[in-house]
Amino acid sequence: MQQGDELSTAVGAALAQGAFDEAVRRAETAAAAGDGEAHLLLGGLRLMDERYPEAMVSWETAFRLLREAGEHRLAARAAMELAAAHVGMLGHPSAGNGWLERARRELEVVGPCVEWGYLELAVLACERLDADDLLAATERALALAVELGDADLEARALSDQGLALVTRGRVRDGFARLDAALASILAGEVAPTSTGMCFCSMLSACDRTGDVERAAEWTDLIRARYEPMAPRPIVMYTHCRVAYGSVLSASGRWQEAEALLLAALGTDQRPVLSHRPLTSAHLADLRLDQGRVEEAAALLEPFADRTFSCGPLGRVHLARGELDLAAGVLQRGLGELVGDVLQREPLLATLVEVELARDRPDAAARAADELDAIAAEVDLPAVSAVADRSRARVLAAAGDVAGARTVLRSALARLDRVERPHLLGSLRLQMAELLAGAGEASGAIAEARAALACFDRLGSAPGRDRVTALLRSLGDRRGAPRPQRAADIASVLTAREREVLELVAEGLTNAEIAERLYISKKTTEHHVGRVLAKLGVRSRAEAAALAVRLAATPDA
């Protein structure tokens, strides 16, 4: 039987050669003989393979055996692993805090040691909601790493500190720390497990800033680093897909993004558990941009308690017309995020829309004020453009059309060299609506056509519907024509929308349609509105007449 450092070295060598099963076999053999450190190693290997329940059992066994043997530092390490799993994987912060406290008690027996630094970083940085607390923790961990010469801890502290700084708006400083951690990884100074933790922070920073180039570069580096072990570590490849998929979604590469996010979720028969709440939130945001509101709601339902879900869940409620619920969930998310300006930004932007829809202009203005403050801190054109878009909405609601147009022009100029097609389309549509309201039809048509080009390339049904409705109201022929054949309805409407149209044609009210289809009245109103927009009609009666006429018209 191998013991201690000898076993750890043997497992590390097997992993370096891509012999994952051999590494597991060695750890299992030693663990079967009652070796606590082997159980600790085995838990990490099972984590890499997405075998979470078995990993938890291994770490719990390791903690007990190591504690009984007086190996307090290693027992603390096992407790830290359990804390991270409870917080990140299971969503049990209280249990996670309990294991952190047990780790702390073990280390108090030992006194000063490097494990105190690892305790500061025990919970993954991407799972921590208080960016200020994370930054302070990384500073303490980094000081210990330098003092005690621990390269793994130093790399982890630098990468987590980088994410904390990026999240707080200090993007350049944050990426400088992340690049420093990357350099030590590429130099071979960092063990594989710690490398995975570093990459987690790196990809999270790309996700939150929408940095396509860095995300692509770092994803390639991860693949190269772990190529001998592929497809392990599954947990790391999952985070690659989640972060890169989110970045691709923001940059308008929706098909690629959707494929990556679906792969990260796994299948119903074999779901992938790691980062599942975050993956669901990102995919829900994409579904909302595509106009697939109910699919987004279904994705979010199991994770409605997670902070990651608050942004897209607020958008779901807004789309359904559930304004008070939207405001409530957005405020909850904002209350749970501390010092995290980048993750507050999308929540605030949606809150501006919600408060204006609730006829609360003062509340909308306060949210827009915070967005302006964030934009002033963060050197990211897309963030500034979002702030400008929200400010323009507030100004327009107050009747200051000239001011709103000036701010929108500023937002459009900011995106001149930034790949954000959906944001660009929404800004052009907003400008078109302002110009139409001011009676400037030709300018409104020009902006609306530009917006339509953006939405058509993306496949954004909600954006396209709004633009075509506006163009029709302006008498522009590019507004989508009414269907001419029964087959046209099938190509224009979704299956659910066709069901709604049939019931409208039967003369049912919204309440009766809701009861028939087992959906809410608000959802029914949403579907009816989309049907009218897509068919190019102005009333339920016109929609019903068109449906009846086309049903009686041969397709040939």
Protein backbone atom coordinates (compact mmCIF):
# COMPACT_ATOMS: atom_id res chain seq x y z
CA MET A 1 0.00 0.00 0.00
CA GLN A 2 1.25 3.49 -0.87
CA GLN A 3 1.15 6.21 1.74
CA GLY A 4 1.00 10.02 1.80
CA ASP A 5 3.24 11.83 -0.64
CA GLU A 6 4.06 8.57 -2.46
CA LEU A 7 0.40 7.96 -3.33
CA SER A 8 -0.17 11.59 -4.29
CA THR A 9 2.86 11.50 -6.59
CA ALA A 10 1.73 8.24 -8.20
CA VAL A 11 -1.80 9.57 -8.80
CA GLY A 12 -0.41 12.82 -10.23
CA ALA A 13 1.91 10.94 -12.57
CA ALA A 14 -0.94 8.76 -13.83
CA LEU A 15 -3.07 11.82 -14.52
CA ALA A 16 -0.22 13.55 -16.36
CA GLN A 17 0.01 10.53 -18.68
CA GLY A 18 -3.75 10.51 -19.26
CA ALA A 19 -4.19 7.29 -17.29
CA PHE A 20 -7.26 8.45 -15.36
CA ASP A 21 -8.55 4.97 -14.63
CA GLU A 22 -5.13 3.97 -13.29
CA ALA A 23 -5.14 6.99 -10.98
CA VAL A 24 -8.58 6.02 -9.69
CA ARG A 25 -7.47 2.39 -9.20
CA ARG A 26 -4.46 3.41 -7.12
CA ALA A 27 -6.55 5.72 -4.95
CA GLU A 28 -9.33 3.15 -4.49
CA THR A 29 -6.84 0.45 -3.48
CA ALA A 30 -5.31 2.66 -0.81
CA ALA A 31 -8.72 3.92 0.33
CA ALA A 32 -9.98 0.34 0.78
CA ALA A 33 -7.17 -0.18 3.29
CA GLY A 34 -8.46 2.72 5.40
CA ASP A 35 -6.06 5.42 4.16
CA GLY A 36 -7.70 8.79 4.90
CA GLU A 37 -5.50 10.73 2.45
CA ALA A 38 -6.44 8.23 -0.28
CA HIS A 39 -10.10 8.99 0.35
CA LEU A 40 -9.29 12.69 0.03
CA LEU A 41 -7.59 12.09 -3.33
CA LEU A 42 -10.37 9.78 -4.47
CA GLY A 43 -12.97 12.45 -3.77
CA GLY A 44 -11.13 14.82 -6.11
CA LEU A 45 -10.95 12.20 -8.85
CA ARG A 46 -14.65 11.47 -8.54
CA LEU A 47 -15.37 15.19 -8.72
CA MET A 48 -13.43 15.35 -11.99
CA ASP A 49 -15.63 12.54 -13.31
CA GLU A 50 -18.90 14.24 -12.20
CA ARG A 51 -19.60 11.50 -9.65
CA TYR A 52 -20.73 13.91 -6.97
CA PRO A 53 -22.49 11.63 -4.46
CA GLU A 54 -19.47 9.31 -4.40
CA ALA A 55 -17.12 12.29 -4.08
CA MET A 56 -19.06 13.52 -1.05
CA VAL A 57 -18.84 10.09 0.60
CA SER A 58 -15.08 9.96 -0.04
CA TRP A 59 -14.51 13.39 1.50
CA GLU A 60 -16.72 12.65 4.51
CA THR A 61 -14.80 9.41 5.10
CA ALA A 62 -11.50 11.24 4.63
CA PHE A 63 -12.45 13.87 7.20
CA ARG A 64 -13.35 11.26 9.78
CA LEU A 65 -10.24 9.10 9.27
CA LEU A 66 -7.81 12.00 9.08
CA ARG A 67 -9.27 13.68 12.13
CA GLU A 68 -9.05 10.44 14.12
CA ALA A 69 -5.42 10.06 13.00
CA GLY A 70 -4.56 13.58 14.16
CA GLU A 71 -3.94 14.76 10.56
CA HIS A 72 -5.67 18.05 11.19
CA ARG A 73 -4.39 19.91 8.13
CA LEU A 74 -5.58 17.19 5.77
CA ALA A 75 -8.86 16.85 7.66
CA ALA A 76 -9.37 20.58 7.13
CA ARG A 77 -8.75 20.08 3.40
CA ALA A 78 -11.50 17.44 3.28
CA ALA A 79 -13.87 19.78 5.12
CA MET A 80 -13.11 22.54 2.60
CA GLU A 81 -13.97 20.24 -0.30
CA LEU A 82 -17.28 19.41 1.33
CA ALA A 83 -18.01 23.09 1.94
CA ALA A 84 -17.39 23.93 -1.72
CA ALA A 85 -19.61 21.06 -2.88
CA HIS A 86 -22.49 22.02 -0.60
CA VAL A 87 -22.41 25.67 -1.70
CA GLY A 88 -21.70 25.26 -5.41
CA MET A 89 -23.25 21.93 -6.34
CA LEU A 90 -26.12 21.44 -3.89
CA GLY A 91 -27.01 25.04 -3.15
CA HIS A 92 -26.79 24.47 0.62
CA PRO A 93 -24.98 27.54 2.02
CA SER A 94 -25.71 26.68 5.66
CA ALA A 95 -24.18 23.21 5.30
CA GLY A 96 -21.26 24.79 3.48
CA ASN A 97 -20.71 27.23 6.32
CA GLY A 98 -20.83 24.34 8.77
CA TRP A 99 -18.00 22.53 6.99
CA LEU A 100 -15.97 25.73 6.78
CA GLU A 101 -16.31 26.07 10.54
CA ARG A 102 -15.16 22.48 11.02
CA ALA A 103 -12.14 23.17 8.82
CA ARG A 104 -11.36 26.26 10.87
CA ARG A 105 -11.51 24.28 14.12
CA GLU A 106 -9.08 21.69 12.74
CA LEU A 107 -6.61 24.41 11.74
CA GLU A 108 -6.82 26.11 15.11
CA VAL A 109 -5.26 22.97 16.56
CA VAL A 110 -2.35 23.31 14.12
CA GLY A 111 -1.70 27.04 14.23
CA PRO A 112 -0.18 29.01 11.33
CA CYS A 113 0.00 26.99 8.09
CA VAL A 114 -0.72 27.35 4.39
CA GLU A 115 -4.14 25.70 4.77
CA TRP A 116 -5.44 28.96 6.24
CA GLY A 117 -4.94 30.44 2.77
CA TYR A 118 -6.83 27.61 1.12
CA LEU A 119 -9.63 28.10 3.64
CA GLU A 120 -10.01 31.69 2.40
CA LEU A 121 -10.63 30.34 -1.11
CA ALA A 122 -12.52 27.16 -0.23
CA VAL A 123 -15.77 28.18 -1.97
CA LEU A 124 -15.32 28.72 -5.71
CA ALA A 125 -15.00 32.40 -6.55
CA CYS A 126 -17.72 32.18 -9.23
CA GLU A 127 -20.18 31.01 -6.54
CA ARG A 128 -19.52 33.89 -4.13
CA LEU A 129 -22.03 36.74 -4.18
CA ASP A 130 -20.05 39.25 -2.08
CA ALA A 131 -17.27 40.57 -4.33
CA ASP A 132 -15.89 42.78 -1.55
CA ASP A 133 -15.53 39.81 0.80
CA LEU A 134 -13.95 37.74 -1.98
CA LEU A 135 -11.38 40.44 -2.70
CA ALA A 136 -10.40 40.69 0.97
CA ALA A 137 -10.11 36.89 1.19
CA THR A 138 -7.81 36.73 -1.85
CA GLU A 139 -5.53 39.38 -0.39
CA ARG A 140 -5.10 37.35 2.79
CA ALA A 141 -4.55 34.13 0.81
CA LEU A 142 -2.02 35.77 -1.51
CA ALA A 143 0.00 37.11 1.43
CA LEU A 144 0.18 33.59 2.92
CA ALA A 145 1.09 32.05 -0.44
CA VAL A 146 4.02 34.42 -0.94
CA GLU A 147 5.21 34.07 2.67
CA LEU A 148 5.13 30.26 2.61
CA GLY A 149 6.13 29.76 -1.04
CA ASP A 150 3.04 27.82 -2.17
CA ALA A 151 2.75 28.15 -5.97
CA ASP A 152 -0.70 26.51 -6.14
CA LEU A 153 -2.18 28.86 -3.56
CA GLU A 154 -0.54 31.87 -5.21
CA ALA A 155 -2.06 31.01 -8.62
CA ARG A 156 -5.48 30.44 -7.11
CA ALA A 157 -5.33 33.66 -5.10
CA LEU A 158 -4.28 35.65 -8.18
CA SER A 159 -7.02 34.19 -10.36
CA ASP A 160 -9.75 34.62 -7.74
CA GLN A 161 -8.53 38.14 -7.05
CA GLY A 162 -8.67 38.83 -10.77
CA LEU A 163 -12.30 37.73 -10.92
CA ALA A 164 -13.14 39.83 -7.85
CA LEU A 165 -11.59 42.92 -9.42
CA VAL A 166 -13.29 42.34 -12.78
CA THR A 167 -16.64 41.83 -11.06
CA ARG A 168 -16.20 45.07 -9.12
CA GLY A 169 -15.52 46.95 -12.36
CA ARG A 170 -11.71 47.09 -12.29
CA VAL A 171 -11.46 45.13 -15.52
CA ARG A 172 -7.88 45.92 -16.53
CA ASP A 173 -6.46 45.25 -13.05
CA GLY A 174 -8.47 42.04 -12.83
CA PHE A 175 -7.29 40.63 -16.13
CA ALA A 176 -3.71 41.52 -15.24
CA ARG A 177 -4.00 39.23 -12.17
CA LEU A 178 -5.62 36.51 -14.26
CA ASP A 179 -2.87 36.69 -16.89
CA ALA A 180 -0.25 36.38 -14.14
CA ALA A 181 -1.94 33.22 -12.86
CA LEU A 182 -2.09 31.88 -16.42
CA ALA A 183 1.65 32.43 -16.86
CA SER A 184 2.42 30.28 -13.81
CA ILE A 185 0.09 27.54 -15.10
CA LEU A 186 1.74 27.48 -18.53
CA ALA A 187 5.14 27.33 -16.84
CA GLY A 188 4.11 24.06 -15.20
CA GLU A 189 4.21 25.47 -11.66
CA VAL A 190 0.62 24.63 -10.74
CA ALA A 191 -0.92 21.21 -10.03
CA PRO A 192 -3.85 20.02 -12.22
CA THR A 193 -6.51 20.43 -9.51
CA SER A 194 -5.48 24.00 -8.73
CA THR A 195 -5.23 24.70 -12.45
CA GLY A 196 -8.90 23.77 -12.80
CA MET A 197 -9.86 26.19 -10.01
CA CYS A 198 -7.87 28.98 -11.71
CA PHE A 199 -9.51 28.37 -15.07
CA CYS A 200 -12.91 28.54 -13.38
CA SER A 201 -12.22 32.13 -12.31
CA MET A 202 -10.69 32.99 -15.67
CA LEU A 203 -13.70 31.79 -17.65
CA SER A 204 -16.12 33.44 -15.23
CA ALA A 205 -14.35 36.76 -15.85
CA CYS A 206 -14.74 36.29 -19.63
CA ASP A 207 -18.40 35.42 -19.12
CA ARG A 208 -19.14 38.55 -17.09
CA THR A 209 -17.31 40.90 -19.46
CA GLY A 210 -18.34 39.19 -22.71
CA ASP A 211 -14.71 38.88 -23.80
CA VAL A 212 -14.90 36.55 -26.81
CA GLU A 213 -11.20 36.59 -27.68
CA ARG A 214 -9.97 35.72 -24.19
CA ALA A 215 -12.66 33.08 -23.75
CA ALA A 216 -11.61 31.39 -27.00
CA GLU A 217 -7.90 31.56 -26.11
CA TRP A 218 -8.36 30.24 -22.59
CA THR A 219 -10.73 27.49 -23.70
CA ASP A 220 -8.10 26.29 -26.19
CA LEU A 221 -5.46 26.38 -23.45
CA ILE A 222 -7.69 24.32 -21.15
CA ARG A 223 -8.22 21.72 -23.85
CA ALA A 224 -4.48 21.52 -24.49
CA ARG A 225 -3.69 21.34 -20.77
CA TYR A 226 -6.09 18.47 -20.09
CA GLU A 227 -5.82 16.73 -23.48
CA PRO A 228 -4.12 13.61 -22.06
CA MET A 229 -7.07 13.09 -19.69
CA ALA A 230 -9.90 13.94 -22.12
CA PRO A 231 -12.86 13.76 -21.68
CA ARG A 232 -11.88 14.39 -18.06
CA PRO A 233 -12.16 16.53 -16.08
CA ILE A 234 -15.82 16.62 -17.07
CA VAL A 235 -16.51 19.34 -14.51
CA MET A 236 -13.93 21.62 -16.15
CA TYR A 237 -15.12 21.04 -19.70
CA THR A 238 -18.65 21.78 -18.53
CA HIS A 239 -17.61 25.20 -17.24
CA CYS A 240 -15.79 25.85 -20.52
CA ARG A 241 -19.02 25.23 -22.41
CA VAL A 242 -21.09 27.36 -20.03
CA ALA A 243 -18.80 30.39 -20.04
CA TYR A 244 -17.93 30.27 -23.73
CA GLY A 245 -21.58 29.63 -24.64
CA SER A 246 -22.65 32.69 -22.68
CA VAL A 247 -20.02 34.87 -24.36
CA LEU A 248 -21.02 33.60 -27.82
CA SER A 249 -24.66 34.34 -27.04
CA ALA A 250 -23.84 37.96 -26.16
CA SER A 251 -21.81 38.33 -29.36
CA GLY A 252 -24.69 37.09 -31.52
CA ARG A 253 -23.43 33.60 -32.33
CA TRP A 254 -26.64 32.05 -31.08
CA GLN A 255 -26.49 28.65 -32.80
CA GLU A 256 -23.02 27.93 -31.44
CA ALA A 257 -24.02 29.24 -28.02
CA GLU A 258 -27.14 27.09 -27.89
CA ALA A 259 -25.19 23.95 -28.84
CA LEU A 260 -22.60 24.54 -26.09
CA LEU A 261 -25.17 25.34 -23.40
CA LEU A 262 -27.30 22.30 -24.25
CA ALA A 263 -24.18 20.12 -24.14
CA ALA A 264 -23.35 21.60 -20.73
CA LEU A 265 -26.80 20.63 -19.44
CA GLY A 266 -26.44 17.05 -20.66
CA THR A 267 -29.35 14.78 -21.51
CA ASP A 268 -32.41 13.92 -19.43
CA GLN A 269 -30.99 10.39 -19.04
CA ARG A 270 -27.53 11.66 -18.06
CA PRO A 271 -27.75 15.25 -16.82
CA VAL A 272 -24.56 17.16 -16.03
CA LEU A 273 -24.79 18.49 -12.48
CA SER A 274 -21.88 20.92 -12.30
CA HIS A 275 -22.80 24.56 -12.93
CA ARG A 276 -26.35 23.47 -13.81
CA PRO A 277 -28.08 26.51 -12.23
CA LEU A 278 -25.76 28.90 -14.08
CA THR A 279 -26.14 26.98 -17.35
CA SER A 280 -29.93 27.08 -17.04
CA ALA A 281 -29.84 30.82 -16.38
CA HIS A 282 -27.69 31.51 -19.44
CA LEU A 283 -29.82 29.30 -21.68
CA ALA A 284 -32.98 30.95 -20.32
CA ASP A 285 -31.60 34.37 -21.29
CA LEU A 286 -30.99 33.07 -24.80
CA ARG A 287 -34.47 31.56 -24.99
CA LEU A 288 -35.95 34.92 -23.97
CA ASP A 289 -34.02 36.70 -26.71
CA GLN A 290 -35.41 34.08 -29.11
CA GLY A 291 -38.95 34.71 -27.86
CA ARG A 292 -39.33 31.30 -26.21
CA VAL A 293 -40.64 32.58 -22.89
CA GLU A 294 -42.25 29.41 -21.54
CA GLU A 295 -39.14 27.35 -22.28
CA ALA A 296 -37.11 29.91 -20.35
CA ALA A 297 -39.51 29.69 -17.43
CA ALA A 298 -39.26 25.89 -17.38
CA LEU A 299 -35.46 26.06 -17.30
CA LEU A 300 -35.50 28.44 -14.35
CA GLU A 301 -38.19 26.77 -12.25
CA PRO A 302 -35.89 24.27 -10.44
CA PHE A 303 -33.42 27.05 -9.59
CA ALA A 304 -35.74 29.94 -8.74
CA ASP A 305 -33.95 30.33 -5.40
CA ARG A 306 -30.53 30.92 -6.97
CA THR A 307 -29.23 34.44 -7.47
CA PHE A 308 -28.12 33.54 -11.02
CA SER A 309 -31.79 33.03 -11.92
CA CYS A 310 -33.03 36.46 -10.84
CA GLY A 311 -32.15 38.30 -14.05
CA PRO A 312 -33.78 35.94 -16.55
CA LEU A 313 -36.66 35.22 -14.15
CA GLY A 314 -37.36 38.95 -13.97
CA ARG A 315 -37.45 39.01 -17.78
CA VAL A 316 -39.90 36.08 -17.82
CA HIS A 317 -42.28 37.92 -15.48
CA LEU A 318 -41.93 41.11 -17.55
CA ALA A 319 -42.75 39.23 -20.77
CA ARG A 320 -45.84 37.76 -19.11
CA GLY A 321 -46.93 41.14 -17.79
CA GLU A 322 -46.37 40.06 -14.17
CA LEU A 323 -44.80 43.37 -13.25
CA ASP A 324 -44.91 43.17 -9.45
CA LEU A 325 -43.34 39.71 -9.51
CA ALA A 326 -40.67 40.96 -11.91
CA ALA A 327 -39.80 43.85 -9.61
CA GLY A 328 -39.71 41.57 -6.58
CA VAL A 329 -37.34 38.99 -8.04
CA LEU A 330 -35.02 41.65 -9.48
CA GLN A 331 -34.84 43.46 -6.13
CA ARG A 332 -34.05 40.17 -4.43
CA GLY A 333 -31.15 39.54 -6.78
CA LEU A 334 -29.80 43.06 -6.32
CA GLY A 335 -29.99 42.65 -2.56
CA GLU A 336 -27.96 39.42 -2.68
CA LEU A 337 -25.16 40.79 -4.88
CA VAL A 338 -22.62 42.85 -2.92
CA GLY A 339 -19.97 44.90 -4.73
CA ASP A 340 -20.69 42.93 -7.91
CA VAL A 341 -21.29 45.67 -10.46
CA LEU A 342 -21.17 43.50 -13.57
CA GLN A 343 -23.84 41.08 -12.38
CA ARG A 344 -26.00 43.94 -11.08
CA GLU A 345 -26.04 45.63 -14.50
CA PRO A 346 -28.51 43.33 -16.34
CA LEU A 347 -30.83 43.23 -13.33
CA LEU A 348 -30.92 47.03 -13.15
CA ALA A 349 -31.52 47.35 -16.89
CA THR A 350 -34.58 45.08 -16.68
CA LEU A 351 -35.74 46.87 -13.54
CA VAL A 352 -35.84 50.19 -15.44
CA GLU A 353 -38.27 48.62 -17.95
CA VAL A 354 -40.35 47.08 -15.19
CA GLU A 355 -40.67 50.26 -13.16
CA LEU A 356 -41.64 52.30 -16.21
CA ALA A 357 -44.28 49.68 -17.04
CA ARG A 358 -45.51 49.96 -13.43
CA ASP A 359 -45.75 53.76 -13.91
CA ARG A 360 -43.05 54.36 -11.30
CA PRO A 361 -40.74 56.81 -13.12
CA ASP A 362 -38.85 57.82 -9.98
CA ALA A 363 -37.93 54.20 -9.22
CA ALA A 364 -36.88 53.71 -12.86
CA ALA A 365 -34.71 56.83 -12.65
CA ARG A 366 -32.98 55.53 -9.52
CA ALA A 367 -32.14 52.26 -11.27
CA ALA A 368 -30.86 54.22 -14.28
CA ASP A 369 -28.72 56.35 -11.94
CA GLU A 370 -27.01 53.25 -10.58
CA LEU A 371 -26.44 52.00 -14.12
CA ASP A 372 -24.79 55.31 -15.00
CA ALA A 373 -22.53 54.97 -11.94
CA ILE A 374 -21.56 51.44 -12.98
CA ALA A 375 -20.81 52.59 -16.53
CA ALA A 376 -18.57 55.33 -15.17
CA GLU A 377 -16.58 52.74 -13.19
CA VAL A 378 -16.31 50.04 -15.84
CA ASP A 379 -14.33 50.48 -19.05
CA LEU A 380 -16.67 48.33 -21.17
CA PRO A 381 -18.54 49.89 -24.12
CA ALA A 382 -21.43 47.40 -23.91
CA VAL A 383 -22.07 48.28 -20.26
CA SER A 384 -22.11 51.99 -21.09
CA ALA A 385 -24.47 51.34 -24.02
CA VAL A 386 -26.89 49.47 -21.75
CA ALA A 387 -26.80 52.36 -19.27
CA ASP A 388 -27.49 54.82 -22.10
CA ARG A 389 -30.40 52.69 -23.35
CA SER A 390 -31.97 52.72 -19.89
CA ARG A 391 -31.41 56.45 -19.45
CA ALA A 392 -33.06 57.08 -22.84
CA ARG A 393 -36.10 55.11 -21.71
CA VAL A 394 -36.40 57.22 -18.57
CA LEU A 395 -36.00 60.47 -20.53
CA ALA A 396 -38.56 59.42 -23.14
CA ALA A 397 -41.06 58.48 -20.43
CA ALA A 398 -40.60 61.97 -18.95
CA GLY A 399 -41.30 63.55 -22.34
CA ASP A 400 -37.70 64.57 -23.06
CA VAL A 401 -37.54 63.12 -26.57
CA ALA A 402 -34.57 65.25 -27.62
CA GLY A 403 -32.56 64.14 -24.60
CA ALA A 404 -33.44 60.50 -25.21
CA ARG A 405 -32.31 60.74 -28.84
CA THR A 406 -28.99 62.29 -27.83
CA VAL A 407 -28.32 59.50 -25.33
CA LEU A 408 -29.27 56.80 -27.84
CA ARG A 409 -26.87 58.27 -30.41
CA SER A 410 -24.15 58.05 -27.77
CA ALA A 411 -25.02 54.40 -27.13
CA LEU A 412 -24.92 53.55 -30.83
CA ALA A 413 -21.53 55.23 -31.17
CA ARG A 414 -20.16 53.16 -28.28
CA LEU A 415 -21.01 49.93 -30.11
CA ASP A 416 -19.25 50.96 -33.31
CA ARG A 417 -16.51 48.33 -32.86
CA VAL A 418 -18.21 46.00 -30.41
CA GLU A 419 -19.95 42.81 -31.54
CA ARG A 420 -23.29 43.03 -29.72
CA PRO A 421 -25.94 42.59 -32.46
CA HIS A 422 -28.93 42.09 -30.17
CA LEU A 423 -28.10 45.16 -28.10
CA LEU A 424 -27.49 47.11 -31.31
CA GLY A 425 -30.83 46.01 -32.73
CA SER A 426 -32.67 47.00 -29.56
CA LEU A 427 -31.02 50.45 -29.59
CA ARG A 428 -31.98 51.03 -33.24
CA LEU A 429 -35.54 49.90 -32.58
CA GLN A 430 -35.74 52.24 -29.59
CA MET A 431 -34.51 55.12 -31.78
CA ALA A 432 -37.01 54.19 -34.50
CA GLU A 433 -39.88 54.27 -32.00
CA LEU A 434 -38.75 57.67 -30.72
CA LEU A 435 -38.55 59.09 -34.23
CA ALA A 436 -41.94 57.63 -35.15
CA GLY A 437 -43.47 59.23 -32.07
CA ALA A 438 -41.99 62.58 -33.10
CA GLY A 439 -43.54 62.28 -36.57
CA GLU A 440 -40.22 61.70 -38.37
CA ALA A 441 -41.38 58.77 -40.47
CA SER A 442 -38.45 58.54 -42.88
CA GLY A 443 -35.87 58.52 -40.08
CA ALA A 444 -37.92 55.99 -38.14
CA ILE A 445 -38.16 53.68 -41.16
CA ALA A 446 -34.40 53.86 -41.75
CA GLU A 447 -33.62 52.95 -38.13
CA ALA A 448 -36.29 50.24 -38.09
CA ARG A 449 -34.91 48.62 -41.23
CA ALA A 450 -31.43 48.59 -39.67
CA ALA A 451 -32.89 47.01 -36.50
CA LEU A 452 -34.74 44.42 -38.59
CA ALA A 453 -31.47 43.40 -40.27
CA CYS A 454 -29.93 42.78 -36.83
CA PHE A 455 -32.87 40.74 -35.56
CA ASP A 456 -33.21 38.74 -38.77
CA ARG A 457 -29.55 37.68 -38.64
CA LEU A 458 -29.95 36.59 -35.04
CA GLY A 459 -33.33 34.92 -35.38
CA SER A 460 -34.82 37.10 -32.64
CA ALA A 461 -38.58 36.65 -32.99
CA PRO A 462 -39.60 39.30 -30.40
CA GLY A 463 -37.37 41.95 -31.95
CA ARG A 464 -38.48 41.11 -35.47
CA ASP A 465 -42.16 41.21 -34.46
CA ARG A 466 -41.85 44.66 -32.88
CA VAL A 467 -39.93 46.07 -35.84
CA THR A 468 -42.29 44.70 -38.48
CA ALA A 469 -45.29 46.02 -36.55
CA LEU A 470 -43.67 49.46 -36.41
CA LEU A 471 -42.81 49.40 -40.11
CA ARG A 472 -46.38 48.45 -41.02
CA SER A 473 -47.72 51.32 -38.92
CA LEU A 474 -45.42 53.64 -40.86
CA GLY A 475 -46.65 52.31 -44.19
CA ASP A 476 -43.35 50.68 -45.07
CA ARG A 477 -43.55 47.70 -47.38
CA ARG A 478 -40.77 45.87 -45.52
CA GLY A 479 -43.20 45.21 -42.70
CA ALA A 480 -43.88 41.47 -42.93
CA PRO A 481 -46.79 40.84 -45.31
CA ARG A 482 -49.83 38.98 -44.16
CA PRO A 483 -49.84 35.23 -44.83
CA GLN A 484 -51.42 34.39 -48.19
CA ARG A 485 -51.85 30.63 -47.74
CA ALA A 486 -52.71 28.27 -44.88
CA ALA A 487 -49.16 26.91 -45.06
CA ASP A 488 -47.83 30.43 -44.38
CA ILE A 489 -49.40 30.37 -40.92
CA ALA A 490 -47.47 27.21 -40.03
CA SER A 491 -44.22 28.89 -41.07
CA VAL A 492 -44.96 32.12 -39.17
CA LEU A 493 -46.54 30.89 -35.92
CA THR A 494 -45.26 28.45 -33.34
CA ALA A 495 -47.33 25.36 -32.48
CA ARG A 496 -48.69 27.06 -29.35
CA GLU A 497 -49.52 30.24 -31.27
CA ARG A 498 -51.43 28.21 -33.87
CA GLU A 499 -53.46 26.65 -31.04
CA VAL A 500 -54.24 30.13 -29.71
CA LEU A 501 -55.26 31.36 -33.18
CA GLU A 502 -57.64 28.45 -33.62
CA LEU A 503 -59.34 29.30 -30.32
CA VAL A 504 -59.46 33.01 -31.21
CA ALA A 505 -61.15 32.00 -34.48
CA GLU A 506 -63.70 30.04 -32.44
CA GLY A 507 -64.54 33.27 -30.62
CA LEU A 508 -63.07 32.37 -27.21
CA THR A 509 -62.00 35.12 -24.82
CA ASN A 510 -58.52 35.24 -23.29
CA ALA A 511 -59.84 33.79 -20.04
CA GLU A 512 -61.49 30.91 -21.91
CA ILE A 513 -58.32 30.26 -23.94
CA ALA A 514 -56.26 30.23 -20.75
CA GLU A 515 -58.59 27.67 -19.20
CA ARG A 516 -58.62 25.50 -22.32
CA LEU A 517 -54.81 25.45 -22.66
CA TYR A 518 -54.03 25.35 -18.90
CA ILE A 519 -51.99 28.54 -19.02
CA SER A 520 -52.31 31.87 -17.21
CA LYS A 521 -54.35 34.76 -18.54
CA LYS A 522 -51.20 36.88 -18.79
CA THR A 523 -49.49 34.20 -20.88
CA THR A 524 -52.57 34.05 -23.09
CA GLU A 525 -52.44 37.82 -23.61
CA HIS A 526 -48.77 37.50 -24.55
CA HIS A 527 -49.54 34.78 -27.12
CA VAL A 528 -52.46 36.69 -28.62
CA GLY A 529 -50.34 39.81 -28.97
CA ARG A 530 -47.61 37.86 -30.78
CA VAL A 531 -50.17 36.23 -33.09
CA LEU A 532 -51.60 39.62 -34.08
CA ALA A 533 -48.11 41.04 -34.70
CA LYS A 534 -46.96 38.07 -36.76
CA LEU A 535 -50.12 38.00 -38.89
CA GLY A 536 -49.98 41.75 -39.48
CA VAL A 537 -53.50 42.38 -38.15
CA ARG A 538 -54.77 44.90 -35.63
CA SER A 539 -57.55 43.01 -33.86
CA ARG A 540 -58.77 39.60 -32.81
CA ALA A 541 -61.60 39.88 -35.30
CA GLU A 542 -59.14 40.45 -38.17
CA ALA A 543 -57.03 37.49 -36.99
CA ALA A 544 -60.09 35.24 -36.81
CA ALA A 545 -61.28 36.32 -40.26
CA LEU A 546 -57.84 35.75 -41.76
CA ALA A 547 -57.58 32.29 -40.19
CA VAL A 548 -61.01 31.27 -41.49
CA ARG A 549 -60.28 32.62 -44.99
CA LEU A 550 -56.88 30.90 -45.25
CA ALA A 551 -58.30 27.59 -43.96
CA ALA A 552 -60.72 27.65 -46.88
CA THR A 553 -58.04 28.67 -49.42
CA PRO A 554 -56.21 25.90 -51.32
CA ASP A 555 -52.41 25.99 -50.81
CA ALA A 556 -51.68 25.23 -54.44
